[in-house]
Every structure is written in C-alpha cells, then in structure tokens.
Amino acid sequence: MKAVTVAAFGATPQVTEQPEPKVGPDTVLVRVKVAGINPVDWKIAAGRLDPIMYVYLPLIPGWDVAGVVERVGAAVTEYAPGDEVIAYNRMDTAQHGTYAELVPVPVRAVARKPASLTWQQAGGLPLAGLTAYQSLKAADVTKGDTVLVNNAAGGVGSFAVQIAVAAGARVIGTASEAKADYLRSLGADPVTYGDGLADRVRALAPEGVDASLDFYGGEATAVSLEVTTSPSRVVSIVDPAIRERGGRYVFAHPSHADLTKLGDLADARQLTVHVQREVPLAEVADAWRLSQEGHTTGKIVLRIS
C-alpha cells in the first residue's frame, strides 16, 4: 500500500510502499478516503513530542481519518465492511498513522461518518472537533455563558465557536481583522488579537467572560486569565502550566461518544467543516509548509483515494 513516511526526525515526508497492516481483534481496518492534517502531525515528525511519547521511525504520520471499513477484527460487532466511518486514531505511541491507503483503528476511536459531510469535511473533523468539544466540556460551557475563544478562525477554534453557539452560549472570538467576517458567519463577535486585547474583550463583556479557551498560547493565555471571572474555567490546549494558575489543560482523547455527538451536530446543520485546501498524497510536504505558516482558516486535508 502507499503511505507517507518520515524516515528520521526533521526529514521531508515521502510517499513510499509499505506492507498492508494487520487487523487486531478489537480493530477496524479502514480504507482511507481523506486524512486530516493537523499541526501535531509535523510536530511529531520533527521530534517535538519525543519527550512525552514513544515515536518509532520510519513514521507514518496522521491521527485523523475518514474512509470505508475494509475488514474488522474478530471481536468487532459494531461495524462491517462497507461502513463509512471517521476516527481519531491517536494512541500513546506514534508509528502507524493515517496518511496511508489502509489504517488499523481501535474500535473505541471510531464513529459513523456524518451523512451531511463530504469526505473532505469528514476527514477534517475528528482531532480538531474533539479538541474543541472536550475543551468546552472542561470549561463547563452551558447556555447563557459568554465564552472567549482565542484563535477562533483556526481549525480547532472554528469548531469551538460553532459548538458553543449550538449550546446557546455567546462567543467572542479572536482573529486577525481579515477574518472578522468569517467569525461572524460562524456566530461569534470578532475581536482582533494584539496589544489591548483585554480592553477590547471588556468592551464587549464589561463584567468579564464566563469561560475562555486558549488555542494560541502566549498573550492569549494571560488575557484569558485576566478577563475570565474564575481561572477554573480557563482551558488551554497549548500550555500545561495553566494548571499551576488554576486553569485546565486539555489534550484531546479518542471517544466514540464525543465523535458521535459531533456527527449529530453536523447532521443537524449546527456544525460544518471549513476546508481551506485539499491536497493529493504526493503534495504532503507542501501541505505541511502551509500548516506551519499558521495562517490557516479552517482545515487542510490530504486526499488518499
């Protein structure tokens, strides 16, 4: 099978031929249509997560997948060949990722593909969608809350805005001025990041915000703590040290139930996936460069088949 592999930390990803993977008892083998591209993919390949995760080389990157079930393991009863599925295929080690024609996925990480989404949209949903959904749960966001979402036009932020709005919350989202109309289309009140951000947030929420989601780091972390009524409802996916200041840190975990909830929101037309660019397998290095620039609106996805 064809797969993208990285031979050494920092090496350029290459399309190579790899053996077909084995299918364990609690595993679903998925023939991949689209794999989502996330910043964590190239960070792992650069060795940045090596201190906390065993990474085996050569590495097939990728945690997001949308495709069709090819085979199921002996203990799997939930799915059958031909089923259309999505998955967040993260384990505690990295080696056999989703940038491949076939990928084995633990059944606990799999959910049905939302009928309303294209393959491109479905492939961009799992990791960023789960990160947003689980961050909102950690911040205990409910109807009537005012929520600050930092980097609201990015892959995770775009989902967080929509999920919070669907829950009945008011959202203030940070982004560049050029992305203000995009945030409004998602249901957020936009504010530009940079000097004076706290004052601009207070102009929209004079009493402070009920919860803040930090998807950016740096200044966003400090501002979130400053404008949120309780540090216990400040959530960061960037800086684990937020815990030392009373906040919460989230590293998204695979969850069939949470993926199913995201699919339900999509099929109810309360959540969509903005795909900025779809790239073929052979152009994965270009896609990583685009992701590394950090100016993406929505998602970049990789077309496998």
Protein backbone atom coordinates (compact mmCIF):
# COMPACT_ATOMS: atom_id res chain seq x y z
CA MET A 1 0.00 0.00 0.00
CA LYS A 2 1.03 3.62 -0.50
CA ALA A 3 1.76 5.65 2.61
CA VAL A 4 3.53 8.85 3.63
CA THR A 5 6.58 8.08 5.75
CA VAL A 6 9.16 10.13 7.62
CA ALA A 7 12.49 8.33 7.88
CA ALA A 8 14.10 10.50 10.58
CA PHE A 9 13.14 13.42 12.80
CA GLY A 10 13.02 16.52 10.64
CA ALA A 11 13.13 14.62 7.35
CA THR A 12 10.85 15.52 4.43
CA PRO A 13 7.77 13.28 4.24
CA GLN A 14 7.87 10.89 1.27
CA VAL A 15 5.31 8.63 -0.41
CA THR A 16 6.54 5.03 -0.08
CA GLU A 17 5.29 1.46 -0.42
CA GLN A 18 4.50 -0.19 2.92
CA PRO A 19 3.18 -3.64 3.89
CA GLU A 20 -0.55 -3.97 4.48
CA PRO A 21 -1.28 -3.62 8.21
CA LYS A 22 -2.50 -6.41 10.48
CA VAL A 23 -6.01 -6.29 11.95
CA GLY A 24 -6.16 -6.99 15.68
CA PRO A 25 -9.21 -8.42 17.49
CA ASP A 26 -10.59 -5.01 18.56
CA THR A 27 -9.51 -3.19 15.41
CA VAL A 28 -11.26 -1.83 12.33
CA LEU A 29 -9.22 -1.68 9.12
CA VAL A 30 -10.19 1.46 7.21
CA ARG A 31 -9.53 2.15 3.54
CA VAL A 32 -8.76 5.83 3.78
CA LYS A 33 -10.50 8.42 1.64
CA VAL A 34 -9.21 11.56 3.38
CA ALA A 35 -6.82 12.19 6.26
CA GLY A 36 -6.94 15.47 8.12
CA ILE A 37 -3.70 17.41 8.52
CA ASN A 38 -3.04 18.89 11.94
CA PRO A 39 -0.03 20.81 13.33
CA VAL A 40 0.68 17.93 15.72
CA ASP A 41 1.49 15.71 12.70
CA TRP A 42 4.56 17.67 11.63
CA LYS A 43 5.50 18.42 15.23
CA ILE A 44 5.73 14.68 15.95
CA ALA A 45 7.76 14.19 12.77
CA ALA A 46 10.13 16.95 13.92
CA GLY A 47 10.68 15.20 17.25
CA ARG A 48 8.86 17.75 19.38
CA LEU A 49 6.68 15.19 21.17
CA ASP A 50 9.50 12.70 21.70
CA PRO A 51 9.87 13.69 25.40
CA ILE A 52 6.30 12.52 26.16
CA MET A 53 5.60 9.86 23.53
CA TYR A 54 7.43 6.90 22.05
CA VAL A 55 7.85 7.69 18.34
CA TYR A 56 9.05 4.87 16.10
CA LEU A 57 10.76 5.54 12.77
CA PRO A 58 10.02 5.28 9.95
CA LEU A 59 6.83 7.06 10.96
CA ILE A 60 3.51 7.18 9.12
CA PRO A 61 2.04 10.47 10.42
CA GLY A 62 -1.59 11.37 10.99
CA TRP A 63 -4.38 10.93 13.53
CA ASP A 64 -7.49 11.97 11.53
CA VAL A 65 -9.21 9.58 9.14
CA ALA A 66 -12.38 9.29 7.10
CA GLY A 67 -12.94 6.21 4.97
CA VAL A 68 -14.66 2.89 4.42
CA VAL A 69 -14.33 -0.21 6.58
CA GLU A 70 -12.29 -2.83 4.73
CA ARG A 71 -12.19 -5.54 7.42
CA VAL A 72 -12.98 -5.90 11.10
CA GLY A 73 -11.21 -7.76 13.87
CA ALA A 74 -12.54 -10.93 15.40
CA ALA A 75 -14.11 -9.17 18.41
CA VAL A 76 -15.72 -6.28 16.50
CA THR A 77 -19.51 -6.35 16.14
CA GLU A 78 -20.21 -2.62 15.80
CA TYR A 79 -19.08 -2.25 12.18
CA ALA A 80 -18.97 -4.26 8.97
CA PRO A 81 -17.10 -3.98 5.66
CA GLY A 82 -18.53 -1.14 3.59
CA ASP A 83 -19.47 1.09 6.54
CA GLU A 84 -18.46 4.74 6.17
CA VAL A 85 -16.60 5.92 9.26
CA ILE A 86 -14.46 8.61 10.84
CA ALA A 87 -11.89 8.20 13.60
CA TYR A 88 -9.36 9.94 15.79
CA ASN A 89 -6.62 7.34 15.59
CA ARG A 90 -4.37 8.52 18.42
CA MET A 91 -2.52 6.07 20.60
CA ASP A 92 0.16 6.60 23.26
CA THR A 93 2.84 5.77 20.70
CA ALA A 94 3.31 7.06 17.15
CA GLN A 95 4.21 4.88 14.19
CA HIS A 96 1.22 3.67 12.13
CA GLY A 97 -0.74 6.84 11.34
CA THR A 98 -3.47 7.74 8.90
CA TYR A 99 -1.51 9.10 5.92
CA ALA A 100 -1.91 5.73 4.21
CA GLU A 101 -4.27 3.80 1.96
CA LEU A 102 -5.14 1.40 4.79
CA VAL A 103 -5.08 2.13 8.52
CA PRO A 104 -5.98 -0.05 11.53
CA VAL A 105 -8.04 1.84 14.13
CA PRO A 106 -9.16 0.71 17.62
CA VAL A 107 -12.93 0.35 17.58
CA ARG A 108 -13.21 2.68 20.59
CA ALA A 109 -11.95 5.54 18.41
CA VAL A 110 -14.39 5.02 15.51
CA ALA A 111 -17.78 6.60 14.74
CA ARG A 112 -20.14 6.68 11.78
CA LYS A 113 -19.39 9.31 9.14
CA PRO A 114 -21.91 12.15 9.35
CA ALA A 115 -24.18 11.84 6.30
CA SER A 116 -24.25 15.61 5.77
CA LEU A 117 -20.47 15.98 5.39
CA THR A 118 -18.37 15.40 2.30
CA TRP A 119 -15.35 13.12 2.59
CA GLN A 120 -13.12 16.19 2.71
CA GLN A 121 -15.11 17.69 5.58
CA ALA A 122 -15.34 14.37 7.43
CA GLY A 123 -11.57 13.90 7.24
CA GLY A 124 -11.01 17.29 8.84
CA LEU A 125 -13.40 16.77 11.75
CA PRO A 126 -12.03 14.27 14.32
CA LEU A 127 -8.98 15.76 16.08
CA ALA A 128 -9.88 19.44 15.86
CA GLY A 129 -13.55 18.75 16.54
CA LEU A 130 -12.80 16.60 19.59
CA THR A 131 -10.30 19.13 20.90
CA ALA A 132 -12.91 21.88 20.69
CA TYR A 133 -15.71 19.75 22.14
CA GLN A 134 -13.64 18.41 25.03
CA SER A 135 -12.27 21.90 25.79
CA LEU A 136 -15.79 23.27 26.05
CA LYS A 137 -16.73 20.39 28.37
CA ALA A 138 -13.67 21.09 30.54
CA ALA A 139 -14.71 24.75 30.78
CA ASP A 140 -18.27 23.67 31.66
CA VAL A 141 -19.79 25.89 28.99
CA THR A 142 -23.59 25.97 29.04
CA LYS A 143 -26.48 28.02 27.70
CA GLY A 144 -26.22 31.71 28.55
CA ASP A 145 -22.44 31.75 29.10
CA THR A 146 -20.14 34.22 27.39
CA VAL A 147 -17.05 32.43 26.07
CA LEU A 148 -13.77 33.85 24.78
CA VAL A 149 -12.23 31.68 22.05
CA ASN A 150 -8.64 32.55 21.18
CA ASN A 151 -7.54 31.78 17.59
CA ALA A 152 -11.20 31.35 16.73
CA ALA A 153 -10.68 31.16 12.96
CA GLY A 154 -8.24 28.23 13.14
CA GLY A 155 -9.10 24.56 12.80
CA VAL A 156 -9.95 24.00 16.48
CA GLY A 157 -11.33 27.47 17.10
CA SER A 158 -13.77 27.29 14.19
CA PHE A 159 -15.31 24.17 15.74
CA ALA A 160 -15.37 25.63 19.25
CA VAL A 161 -17.29 28.69 18.07
CA GLN A 162 -19.96 26.59 16.36
CA ILE A 163 -20.32 24.08 19.20
CA ALA A 164 -20.59 26.84 21.80
CA VAL A 165 -23.19 28.70 19.74
CA ALA A 166 -25.17 25.48 19.32
CA ALA A 167 -25.12 25.12 23.12
CA GLY A 168 -26.67 28.58 23.50
CA ALA A 169 -23.52 30.45 24.53
CA ARG A 170 -22.35 33.85 23.33
CA VAL A 171 -18.89 33.69 21.74
CA ILE A 172 -16.22 36.37 21.49
CA GLY A 173 -13.53 35.17 19.09
CA THR A 174 -10.03 36.49 18.47
CA ALA A 175 -8.55 36.57 14.98
CA SER A 176 -6.98 38.97 12.51
CA GLU A 177 -9.14 41.75 11.13
CA ALA A 178 -9.20 39.95 7.76
CA LYS A 179 -11.05 37.01 9.34
CA ALA A 180 -13.72 39.04 11.15
CA ASP A 181 -16.44 38.30 8.62
CA TYR A 182 -15.62 34.58 8.76
CA LEU A 183 -16.09 34.60 12.54
CA ARG A 184 -19.38 36.46 12.21
CA SER A 185 -20.56 33.79 9.77
CA LEU A 186 -19.89 31.18 12.47
CA GLY A 187 -21.83 33.16 15.06
CA ALA A 188 -19.03 34.89 17.00
CA ASP A 189 -18.38 38.51 17.90
CA PRO A 190 -14.86 39.09 16.48
CA VAL A 191 -12.04 40.96 18.20
CA THR A 192 -8.54 41.45 16.82
CA TYR A 193 -5.63 39.99 18.76
CA GLY A 194 -2.57 42.03 19.72
CA ASP A 195 -1.91 44.87 22.16
CA GLY A 196 -5.02 45.98 24.01
CA LEU A 197 -6.85 42.67 23.57
CA ALA A 198 -8.10 42.60 27.17
CA ASP A 199 -9.63 46.05 26.78
CA ARG A 200 -11.36 45.05 23.55
CA VAL A 201 -12.80 41.96 25.21
CA ARG A 202 -14.05 44.02 28.17
CA ALA A 203 -15.71 46.44 25.77
CA LEU A 204 -17.87 43.53 24.62
CA ALA A 205 -18.18 41.90 28.07
CA PRO A 206 -17.75 44.58 30.78
CA GLU A 207 -18.30 42.08 33.61
CA GLY A 208 -15.78 39.64 32.16
CA VAL A 209 -16.38 36.35 30.37
CA ASP A 210 -17.60 33.14 31.98
CA ALA A 211 -15.08 30.88 30.25
CA SER A 212 -12.05 31.15 27.97
CA LEU A 213 -10.49 28.69 25.55
CA ASP A 214 -6.82 29.25 24.70
CA PHE A 215 -5.95 27.73 21.34
CA TYR A 216 -2.98 30.03 20.75
CA GLY A 217 -0.76 30.50 23.81
CA GLY A 218 1.44 33.44 24.77
CA GLU A 219 -0.56 36.62 25.19
CA ALA A 220 -3.82 34.69 24.80
CA THR A 221 -3.14 32.72 28.00
CA ALA A 222 -2.53 35.84 30.08
CA VAL A 223 -5.53 37.69 28.64
CA SER A 224 -7.79 34.68 29.20
CA LEU A 225 -6.87 34.58 32.88
CA GLU A 226 -7.31 38.34 33.18
CA VAL A 227 -10.82 38.59 31.69
CA THR A 228 -12.39 35.35 32.93
CA THR A 229 -14.35 35.51 36.18
CA SER A 230 -12.77 32.28 37.52
CA PRO A 231 -9.42 30.73 36.48
CA SER A 232 -11.01 27.28 36.86
CA ARG A 233 -12.90 27.92 33.61
CA VAL A 234 -9.83 28.88 31.59
CA VAL A 235 -8.81 25.97 29.33
CA SER A 236 -5.61 25.76 27.28
CA ILE A 237 -4.53 23.18 24.72
CA VAL A 238 -1.16 24.91 24.37
CA ASP A 239 0.35 25.31 27.83
CA PRO A 240 0.10 22.59 30.53
CA ALA A 241 1.39 25.16 33.04
CA ILE A 242 -2.10 26.68 33.01
CA ARG A 243 -2.86 24.17 35.78
CA GLU A 244 -0.45 25.97 38.09
CA ARG A 245 -2.58 29.10 37.70
CA GLY A 246 -5.88 27.36 38.42
CA GLY A 247 -6.89 26.54 34.85
CA ARG A 248 -7.38 23.32 32.91
CA TYR A 249 -5.21 21.70 30.25
CA VAL A 250 -6.76 19.54 27.52
CA PHE A 251 -5.08 17.01 25.25
CA ALA A 252 -7.89 15.51 23.18
CA HIS A 253 -8.58 11.80 23.71
CA PRO A 254 -10.31 9.34 21.36
CA SER A 255 -14.00 8.97 22.15
CA HIS A 256 -16.68 7.20 20.12
CA ALA A 257 -19.38 9.04 22.12
CA ASP A 258 -17.88 12.51 21.54
CA LEU A 259 -17.30 11.84 17.83
CA THR A 260 -20.90 10.69 17.53
CA LYS A 261 -22.07 13.92 19.19
CA LEU A 262 -20.06 15.95 16.70
CA GLY A 263 -21.64 13.96 13.88
CA ASP A 264 -25.10 14.65 15.29
CA LEU A 265 -24.36 18.39 15.38
CA ALA A 266 -23.18 18.24 11.76
CA ASP A 267 -26.28 16.39 10.61
CA ALA A 268 -28.44 18.90 12.49
CA ARG A 269 -26.74 21.66 10.44
CA GLN A 270 -25.25 23.20 13.59
CA LEU A 271 -21.67 22.32 12.72
CA THR A 272 -19.80 22.45 9.45
CA VAL A 273 -16.17 21.93 8.46
CA HIS A 274 -14.47 24.67 6.50
CA VAL A 275 -11.82 23.05 4.31
CA GLN A 276 -9.34 25.65 3.14
CA ARG A 277 -7.39 23.26 0.95
CA GLU A 278 -7.38 19.64 -0.16
CA VAL A 279 -4.03 18.27 -1.34
CA PRO A 280 -3.12 14.98 -3.01
CA LEU A 281 -0.87 12.48 -1.26
CA ALA A 282 2.17 13.48 -3.29
CA GLU A 283 1.96 17.10 -2.11
CA VAL A 284 2.00 16.42 1.63
CA ALA A 285 5.24 18.38 2.15
CA ASP A 286 3.59 21.48 0.66
CA ALA A 287 0.58 20.98 2.92
CA TRP A 288 2.84 20.82 5.97
CA ARG A 289 4.54 24.06 4.96
CA LEU A 290 1.12 25.72 4.70
CA SER A 291 0.18 24.40 8.15
CA GLN A 292 3.49 25.59 9.62
CA GLU A 293 2.81 29.14 8.46
CA GLY A 294 -0.03 29.26 10.99
CA HIS A 295 -2.48 31.34 8.96
CA THR A 296 -4.94 28.62 8.01
CA THR A 297 -8.67 29.34 8.15
CA GLY A 298 -10.34 26.05 8.94
CA LYS A 299 -8.76 22.77 7.83
CA ILE A 300 -6.19 21.32 5.42
CA VAL A 301 -6.88 17.74 4.33
CA LEU A 302 -4.98 15.07 2.45
CA ARG A 303 -6.71 13.14 -0.35
CA ILE A 304 -5.67 9.48 -0.19
CA SER A 305 -8.14 7.79 -2.58
